[in-house]
Amino acid sequence: MKIAIASDHAGYKYKEIIKAHLQKQGYELEDFGTDSEKACDYPDFVRPAATAVAEGRCERGIVPGGSGNGEAMVANKVRGIRCSLCWDLRSARFAREHNDANVLSLGERMISESQALEIVDLWLNTEFKDGRHQRRIDKIERNREN
């Protein structure tokens, strides 16, 4: 599975930790930046990562930030993206099972490193349940304005 990954300065540390963790597991990653903890603007990095997922160049995306809120907002502006901000294992499981989330947002200032890695692993390995949930996903896509 190829994963797009991007962050701003506030999520940079977790981006690098997640990258190393996933590379050890054999995932292919495309890093859209940033490349340091120097202050920057998350839309500059998150939008290209989300676009790569929407266009099928990457199967999933992970976008850590300070809180993860802004990253999720930017990603969700891209048609075809269902980005979920997850803060624990339950939210990560439901994001995949019920919402077929294809981008994961995490808040570096909100959760520990170990929690972040547990969330990433669960999120990547949880399948969408389809069924009644697909009807809702279809409505999300039909009702997009852009």
Protein backbone atom coordinates (compact mmCIF):
# COMPACT_ATOMS: atom_id res chain seq x y z
CA MET A 1 0.00 0.00 0.00
CA LYS A 2 1.29 3.45 -0.92
CA ILE A 3 0.61 6.16 1.65
CA ALA A 4 0.79 9.93 1.22
CA ILE A 5 2.11 11.68 4.30
CA ALA A 6 2.32 15.40 5.05
CA SER A 7 2.46 17.74 8.01
CA ASP A 8 3.19 21.26 9.06
CA HIS A 9 5.86 22.18 11.59
CA ALA A 10 3.62 21.22 14.53
CA GLY A 11 3.15 17.67 13.20
CA TYR A 12 6.64 17.20 11.78
CA LYS A 13 7.98 15.08 14.65
CA TYR A 14 5.09 12.61 14.41
CA LYS A 15 5.29 12.56 10.61
CA GLU A 16 8.88 11.40 10.84
CA ILE A 17 8.12 8.84 13.57
CA ILE A 18 5.14 7.47 11.60
CA LYS A 19 7.21 7.32 8.40
CA ALA A 20 9.95 5.27 10.06
CA HIS A 21 7.37 2.99 11.70
CA LEU A 22 5.56 2.32 8.43
CA GLN A 23 8.70 1.88 6.35
CA LYS A 24 9.79 -0.88 8.79
CA GLN A 25 6.48 -2.60 8.02
CA GLY A 26 7.09 -2.40 4.28
CA TYR A 27 4.71 0.40 3.35
CA GLU A 28 5.65 2.67 0.47
CA LEU A 29 5.39 6.36 1.41
CA GLU A 30 5.31 9.58 -0.54
CA ASP A 31 6.30 12.49 1.69
CA PHE A 32 4.76 15.82 0.70
CA GLY A 33 6.58 17.77 3.43
CA THR A 34 7.31 19.74 5.46
CA ASP A 35 10.91 18.86 6.08
CA SER A 36 11.56 20.64 9.39
CA GLU A 37 9.99 22.19 12.47
CA LYS A 38 10.35 25.66 10.93
CA ALA A 39 6.97 27.44 10.97
CA CYS A 40 4.97 26.85 7.79
CA ASP A 41 1.39 26.64 6.53
CA TYR A 42 -0.24 23.19 6.57
CA PRO A 43 -2.41 23.71 3.44
CA ASP A 44 0.76 23.89 1.34
CA PHE A 45 1.59 20.27 2.24
CA VAL A 46 -1.73 18.63 3.13
CA ARG A 47 -3.61 19.57 -0.06
CA PRO A 48 -1.05 17.90 -2.38
CA ALA A 49 -1.08 14.77 -0.19
CA ALA A 50 -4.89 14.63 -0.21
CA THR A 51 -4.91 15.20 -3.96
CA ALA A 52 -2.55 12.24 -4.43
CA VAL A 53 -5.04 10.03 -2.57
CA ALA A 54 -8.04 11.43 -4.47
CA GLU A 55 -6.30 10.84 -7.80
CA GLY A 56 -5.33 7.28 -6.85
CA ARG A 57 -1.57 7.85 -6.82
CA CYS A 58 -1.64 6.85 -3.14
CA GLU A 59 -4.16 4.55 -1.48
CA ARG A 60 -4.32 6.37 1.85
CA GLY A 61 -3.00 9.50 3.51
CA ILE A 62 -1.79 10.49 6.97
CA VAL A 63 -1.59 14.17 7.94
CA PRO A 64 -0.42 14.95 11.47
CA GLY A 65 -0.50 18.50 12.79
CA GLY A 66 -0.63 20.30 16.12
CA SER A 67 -4.27 19.48 16.82
CA GLY A 68 -5.04 17.80 13.49
CA ASN A 69 -8.10 19.98 12.97
CA GLY A 70 -6.74 22.23 10.23
CA GLU A 71 -5.20 19.31 8.39
CA ALA A 72 -8.55 17.49 8.35
CA MET A 73 -10.33 20.61 7.13
CA VAL A 74 -7.91 21.08 4.24
CA ALA A 75 -7.95 17.42 3.22
CA ASN A 76 -11.75 17.31 3.26
CA LYS A 77 -11.90 20.16 0.74
CA VAL A 78 -10.50 17.76 -1.88
CA ARG A 79 -13.21 15.88 -3.78
CA GLY A 80 -13.11 12.18 -2.95
CA ILE A 81 -11.38 12.59 0.40
CA ARG A 82 -12.90 11.46 3.66
CA CYS A 83 -10.39 12.59 6.27
CA SER A 84 -11.04 11.71 9.87
CA LEU A 85 -9.38 13.30 12.89
CA CYS A 86 -8.74 10.41 15.29
CA TRP A 87 -7.76 10.66 18.93
CA ASP A 88 -8.10 7.07 20.14
CA LEU A 89 -8.47 3.52 18.86
CA ARG A 90 -12.26 3.62 18.86
CA SER A 91 -12.41 6.75 16.70
CA ALA A 92 -9.87 5.22 14.30
CA ARG A 93 -11.79 1.96 14.00
CA PHE A 94 -15.10 3.73 13.32
CA ALA A 95 -13.44 6.09 10.83
CA ARG A 96 -12.54 3.07 8.71
CA GLU A 97 -15.45 0.72 9.44
CA HIS A 98 -18.26 3.26 9.12
CA ASN A 99 -16.82 6.15 7.09
CA ASP A 100 -14.26 4.48 4.83
CA ALA A 101 -11.85 7.28 5.76
CA ASN A 102 -9.00 7.43 3.27
CA VAL A 103 -6.98 10.11 5.08
CA LEU A 104 -6.11 10.11 8.79
CA SER A 105 -5.43 13.30 10.72
CA LEU A 106 -3.66 13.23 14.09
CA GLY A 107 -2.85 15.91 16.66
CA GLU A 108 0.75 15.80 17.90
CA ARG A 109 -0.20 18.06 20.80
CA MET A 110 -3.19 15.88 21.70
CA ILE A 111 -1.92 12.29 21.87
CA SER A 112 1.28 10.48 22.80
CA GLU A 113 3.68 8.96 20.27
CA SER A 114 2.63 5.45 21.27
CA GLN A 115 -1.06 6.34 20.90
CA ALA A 116 -0.38 7.83 17.47
CA LEU A 117 1.35 4.66 16.27
CA GLU A 118 -1.41 2.43 17.65
CA ILE A 119 -4.02 4.56 15.89
CA VAL A 120 -2.10 4.46 12.61
CA ASP A 121 -1.72 0.67 12.75
CA LEU A 122 -5.37 0.05 13.59
CA TRP A 123 -6.58 2.56 10.99
CA LEU A 124 -4.48 1.00 8.24
CA ASN A 125 -5.60 -2.53 9.09
CA THR A 126 -9.33 -1.93 9.57
CA GLU A 127 -11.63 -2.72 6.66
CA PHE A 128 -14.69 -0.71 5.64
CA LYS A 129 -17.89 -2.55 6.65
CA ASP A 130 -19.84 -1.43 3.56
CA GLY A 131 -23.55 -2.29 3.81
CA ARG A 132 -25.63 0.54 5.24
CA HIS A 133 -22.50 2.66 5.55
CA GLN A 134 -21.96 2.75 1.78
CA ARG A 135 -25.27 4.56 1.33
CA ARG A 136 -23.98 7.33 3.57
CA ILE A 137 -20.63 7.54 1.79
CA ASP A 138 -22.51 7.86 -1.51
CA LYS A 139 -24.52 10.77 -0.08
CA ILE A 140 -21.34 12.54 1.04
CA GLU A 141 -19.93 12.33 -2.48
CA ARG A 142 -23.18 13.37 -4.19
CA ASN A 143 -23.60 16.39 -1.94
CA ARG A 144 -20.14 17.91 -2.45
CA GLU A 145 -20.26 21.40 -3.90
CA ASN A 146 -16.87 21.34 -5.64
